[in-house]
Amino acid sequence: MVVSRGSVLLLLGAACYSAGPGFDPAPGQSIGGATDASASGATMWVTETDGPPSSSDASATADPDSSTGLGPGETGEGTTGSPATTCAQDEALCDAWFLPRGALQWEAVTLGGPAALAPSGAVLAAFDVEAERFAFVLTADELVRVDLESRSWVSKTGLASRLPEVDLEVRSAYSVPAYWDQETALESVTISGLDVAFIYSYDAAGDVFAFDRATAFGDSWFEPGAPDLESVREMWVDLTNADGWATGDVGQVCAGVEGPVGPYAGVITDGVQILDVGHCFAFFPTVEVQDFTPLGLPGAPSLERIGGVAYNETTGLVIFAGG
């Protein structure tokens, strides 16, 4: 089976293209055997703001120096004249690590923007908004927006005010680009706890999240070889696999299918597992973190520092520091 384009992708539950907690299937179709926890697929909640900050808002702050990890205007010298320890020297000082498309080394950075907009607590998960090239990071009670091009904190709001249905500990999140859903042309966002996922659509033009439904995890997550749900640290969705990070033949996990891996979800536990989301929603065997190409490159953060992960087809892979 090849999941057709135009429906919503659900990786954790039922879904569209196919990619983790919350991908939506075509009408009447359930991928992964998830059960819908809401009475209908209608929008249950919408919140609006005065609109998303423009890119010019974020540009008021200079980009952090990705080679040194210094923030805007920082010289690296302490008050005594001796060099200050930088993010590049101590990953405990880093806000994020960027791996631009085609790069062979991670860039450790401290993000720009007002310090008041930085997360107040540990980052638990993240997801990107493809065309706009920004990301949201989630803490226990905050939703913080990050400009992926200027590498700056842009805005911060209460999690309960934007995503009130998420009333449990956030364990992971991912998004599916708006171009994939030909019906609504809206980003699909899935935020998951230990055993339930909350699915939203996101309208970037109005900065509006609309709640769709809550869903249980699909059957794929309970098959032999699937990761233990308690071990999942974070995940992301890549619909193109243009970087070739997901290797192998789909026929290894999907009967009757041959060819290289296409759309996939990357799931980080104590290792990395690839979930096919273009055919049968099955997991490939776990590989060691250092054996998964991007995480084995120079400058990658340690596993313990991973808080949130997002993949953008333009800006690349980004890891936000956790607790």
Foldseek 3Di string as FASTA:
>chain_A
DFFDFQWFEAAFWFAGRHEYHGHRGDVPDGAQAKDFPDPAQDFDDKDFDQADDDPVLFVVFAAWDQAFQHGGPDDQADPVRHGHHHCLRPVVRFFKWFAFPPRQAIGTHHAYDDPVLDDPAFFAAKEAAAPQQKIWTDDQWKTWIARLVSRHTRHMDTCCNQPVVPPDDWQEKEKDYLVRNPVPSWIWIWTDDLFKIWIWTADNGRRMTTTRTMMGGGNQCVDPQHDRSVQWRYKYKDQACPVVLQFDWPCVWDPPGTDTQGIWMWTDGCFIWIFRSGGRRHIDHTDHQLPRRVSVGHPHDDPQQFRYWYAYPGGGIMGGGGD
